[in-house]
Amino acid sequence: MRSLYNQTLAKEKELEKAQAQLNDSELQRKACENLLLEANQRIKCLEEQCEKSAIKVEKTAGSTTSLRKLQQDMQEWRKQSDSNLR
């Protein structure tokens, strides 16, 4: 009878230990989920910044191209004006 009681106590201790490990694992899982969520939010933020930068680069490139074209047109106009004045 005493032996059966000791076995029961040992099994209860094993069960408590397993439950504690399970609880620890659950906490670690939640911590990992939070890290993953934070990482995904950071990735989204970086993607948005990258997209904004790409749009800015496109606009700048377009403005630069327009400015060059305008400068070329003005140089042409000056050349024609000088030719016409002579």
C-alpha atoms as a PDB file:
ATOM      1  CA  MET A   1       0.000   0.000   0.000  1.00  0.00           C
ATOM      2  CA  ARG A   2       2.826   2.347   0.901  1.00  0.00           C
ATOM      3  CA  SER A   3       4.549   1.508  -2.376  1.00  0.00           C
ATOM      4  CA  LEU A   4       1.436   2.365  -4.372  1.00  0.00           C
ATOM      5  CA  TYR A   5       1.172   5.674  -2.501  1.00  0.00           C
ATOM      6  CA  ASN A   6       4.827   6.500  -3.295  1.00  0.00           C
ATOM      7  CA  GLN A   7       4.295   5.634  -6.953  1.00  0.00           C
ATOM      8  CA  THR A   8       1.276   7.921  -7.049  1.00  0.00           C
ATOM      9  CA  LEU A   9       3.280  10.768  -5.510  1.00  0.00           C
ATOM     10  CA  ALA A  10       6.090  10.199  -8.007  1.00  0.00           C
ATOM     11  CA  LYS A  11       3.631  10.264 -10.913  1.00  0.00           C
ATOM     12  CA  GLU A  12       2.036  13.447  -9.567  1.00  0.00           C
ATOM     13  CA  LYS A  13       5.474  15.090  -9.357  1.00  0.00           C
ATOM     14  CA  GLU A  14       6.224  14.001 -12.933  1.00  0.00           C
ATOM     15  CA  LEU A  15       2.874  15.406 -14.034  1.00  0.00           C
ATOM     16  CA  GLU A  16       3.545  18.716 -12.263  1.00  0.00           C
ATOM     17  CA  LYS A  17       6.998  18.884 -13.870  1.00  0.00           C
ATOM     18  CA  ALA A  18       5.519  18.172 -17.299  1.00  0.00           C
ATOM     19  CA  GLN A  19       2.839  20.831 -16.738  1.00  0.00           C
ATOM     20  CA  ALA A  20       5.513  23.358 -15.749  1.00  0.00           C
ATOM     21  CA  GLN A  21       7.485  22.538 -18.907  1.00  0.00           C
ATOM     22  CA  LEU A  22       4.330  22.905 -20.959  1.00  0.00           C
ATOM     23  CA  ASN A  23       3.643  26.299 -19.372  1.00  0.00           C
ATOM     24  CA  ASP A  24       7.230  27.416 -20.082  1.00  0.00           C
ATOM     25  CA  SER A  25       6.900  26.245 -23.676  1.00  0.00           C
ATOM     26  CA  GLU A  26       3.635  28.153 -24.042  1.00  0.00           C
ATOM     27  CA  LEU A  27       5.272  31.328 -22.732  1.00  0.00           C
ATOM     28  CA  GLN A  28       8.177  30.870 -25.143  1.00  0.00           C
ATOM     29  CA  ARG A  29       5.760  30.300 -28.019  1.00  0.00           C
ATOM     30  CA  LYS A  30       3.897  33.498 -27.181  1.00  0.00           C
ATOM     31  CA  ALA A  31       7.172  35.408 -26.973  1.00  0.00           C
ATOM     32  CA  CYS A  32       8.154  34.049 -30.390  1.00  0.00           C
ATOM     33  CA  GLU A  33       4.787  35.029 -31.839  1.00  0.00           C
ATOM     34  CA  ASN A  34       5.253  38.556 -30.486  1.00  0.00           C
ATOM     35  CA  LEU A  35       8.743  38.768 -32.002  1.00  0.00           C
ATOM     36  CA  LEU A  36       7.383  37.538 -35.313  1.00  0.00           C
ATOM     37  CA  LEU A  37       4.571  40.091 -35.208  1.00  0.00           C
ATOM     38  CA  GLU A  38       7.045  42.895 -34.448  1.00  0.00           C
ATOM     39  CA  ALA A  39       9.330  41.715 -37.255  1.00  0.00           C
ATOM     40  CA  ASN A  40       6.419  41.630 -39.724  1.00  0.00           C
ATOM     41  CA  GLN A  41       5.390  45.141 -38.698  1.00  0.00           C
ATOM     42  CA  ARG A  42       8.975  46.365 -39.154  1.00  0.00           C
ATOM     43  CA  ILE A  43       9.150  44.700 -42.573  1.00  0.00           C
ATOM     44  CA  LYS A  44       5.896  46.379 -43.598  1.00  0.00           C
ATOM     45  CA  CYS A  45       7.212  49.744 -42.417  1.00  0.00           C
ATOM     46  CA  LEU A  46      10.468  49.244 -44.341  1.00  0.00           C
ATOM     47  CA  GLU A  47       8.549  48.209 -47.456  1.00  0.00           C
ATOM     48  CA  GLU A  48       6.458  51.382 -47.216  1.00  0.00           C
ATOM     49  CA  GLN A  49       9.586  53.498 -46.800  1.00  0.00           C
ATOM     50  CA  CYS A  50      11.180  51.756 -49.752  1.00  0.00           C
ATOM     51  CA  GLU A  51       8.098  52.375 -51.883  1.00  0.00           C
ATOM     52  CA  LYS A  52       8.060  56.060 -50.910  1.00  0.00           C
ATOM     53  CA  SER A  53      11.753  56.323 -51.762  1.00  0.00           C
ATOM     54  CA  ALA A  54      11.188  54.650 -55.123  1.00  0.00           C
ATOM     55  CA  ILE A  55       8.373  57.080 -55.930  1.00  0.00           C
ATOM     56  CA  LYS A  56      10.577  59.996 -54.894  1.00  0.00           C
ATOM     57  CA  VAL A  57      13.385  58.713 -57.113  1.00  0.00           C
ATOM     58  CA  GLU A  58      10.971  58.357 -60.038  1.00  0.00           C
ATOM     59  CA  LYS A  59       9.693  61.899 -59.531  1.00  0.00           C
ATOM     60  CA  THR A  60      13.221  63.244 -59.215  1.00  0.00           C
ATOM     61  CA  ALA A  61      14.303  61.388 -62.327  1.00  0.00           C
ATOM     62  CA  GLY A  62      11.286  62.721 -64.198  1.00  0.00           C
ATOM     63  CA  SER A  63      11.990  66.256 -63.009  1.00  0.00           C
ATOM     64  CA  THR A  64      15.640  65.943 -63.991  1.00  0.00           C
ATOM     65  CA  THR A  65      14.687  64.710 -67.435  1.00  0.00           C
ATOM     66  CA  SER A  66      12.192  67.556 -67.864  1.00  0.00           C
ATOM     67  CA  LEU A  67      14.765  70.084 -66.698  1.00  0.00           C
ATOM     68  CA  ARG A  68      17.366  68.759 -69.148  1.00  0.00           C
ATOM     69  CA  LYS A  69      14.850  68.916 -71.969  1.00  0.00           C
ATOM     70  CA  LEU A  70      13.948  72.479 -71.024  1.00  0.00           C
ATOM     71  CA  GLN A  71      17.624  73.449 -70.928  1.00  0.00           C
ATOM     72  CA  GLN A  72      18.185  71.898 -74.344  1.00  0.00           C
ATOM     73  CA  ASP A  73      15.149  73.697 -75.737  1.00  0.00           C
ATOM     74  CA  MET A  74      16.402  77.018 -74.342  1.00  0.00           C
ATOM     75  CA  GLN A  75      19.848  76.459 -75.835  1.00  0.00           C
ATOM     76  CA  GLU A  76      18.229  75.700 -79.199  1.00  0.00           C
ATOM     77  CA  TRP A  77      16.097  78.797 -78.908  1.00  0.00           C
ATOM     78  CA  ARG A  78      19.183  80.919 -78.099  1.00  0.00           C
ATOM     79  CA  LYS A  79      21.052  79.473 -81.067  1.00  0.00           C
ATOM     80  CA  GLN A  80      18.113  80.189 -83.366  1.00  0.00           C
ATOM     81  CA  SER A  81      17.697  83.665 -81.934  1.00  0.00           C
ATOM     82  CA  ASP A  82      21.392  84.406 -82.411  1.00  0.00           C
ATOM     83  CA  SER A  83      21.226  83.059 -85.956  1.00  0.00           C
ATOM     84  CA  ASN A  84      18.169  85.167 -86.720  1.00  0.00           C
ATOM     85  CA  LEU A  85      19.789  88.318 -85.340  1.00  0.00           C
ATOM     86  CA  ARG A  86      22.842  87.909 -87.583  1.00  0.00           C
END
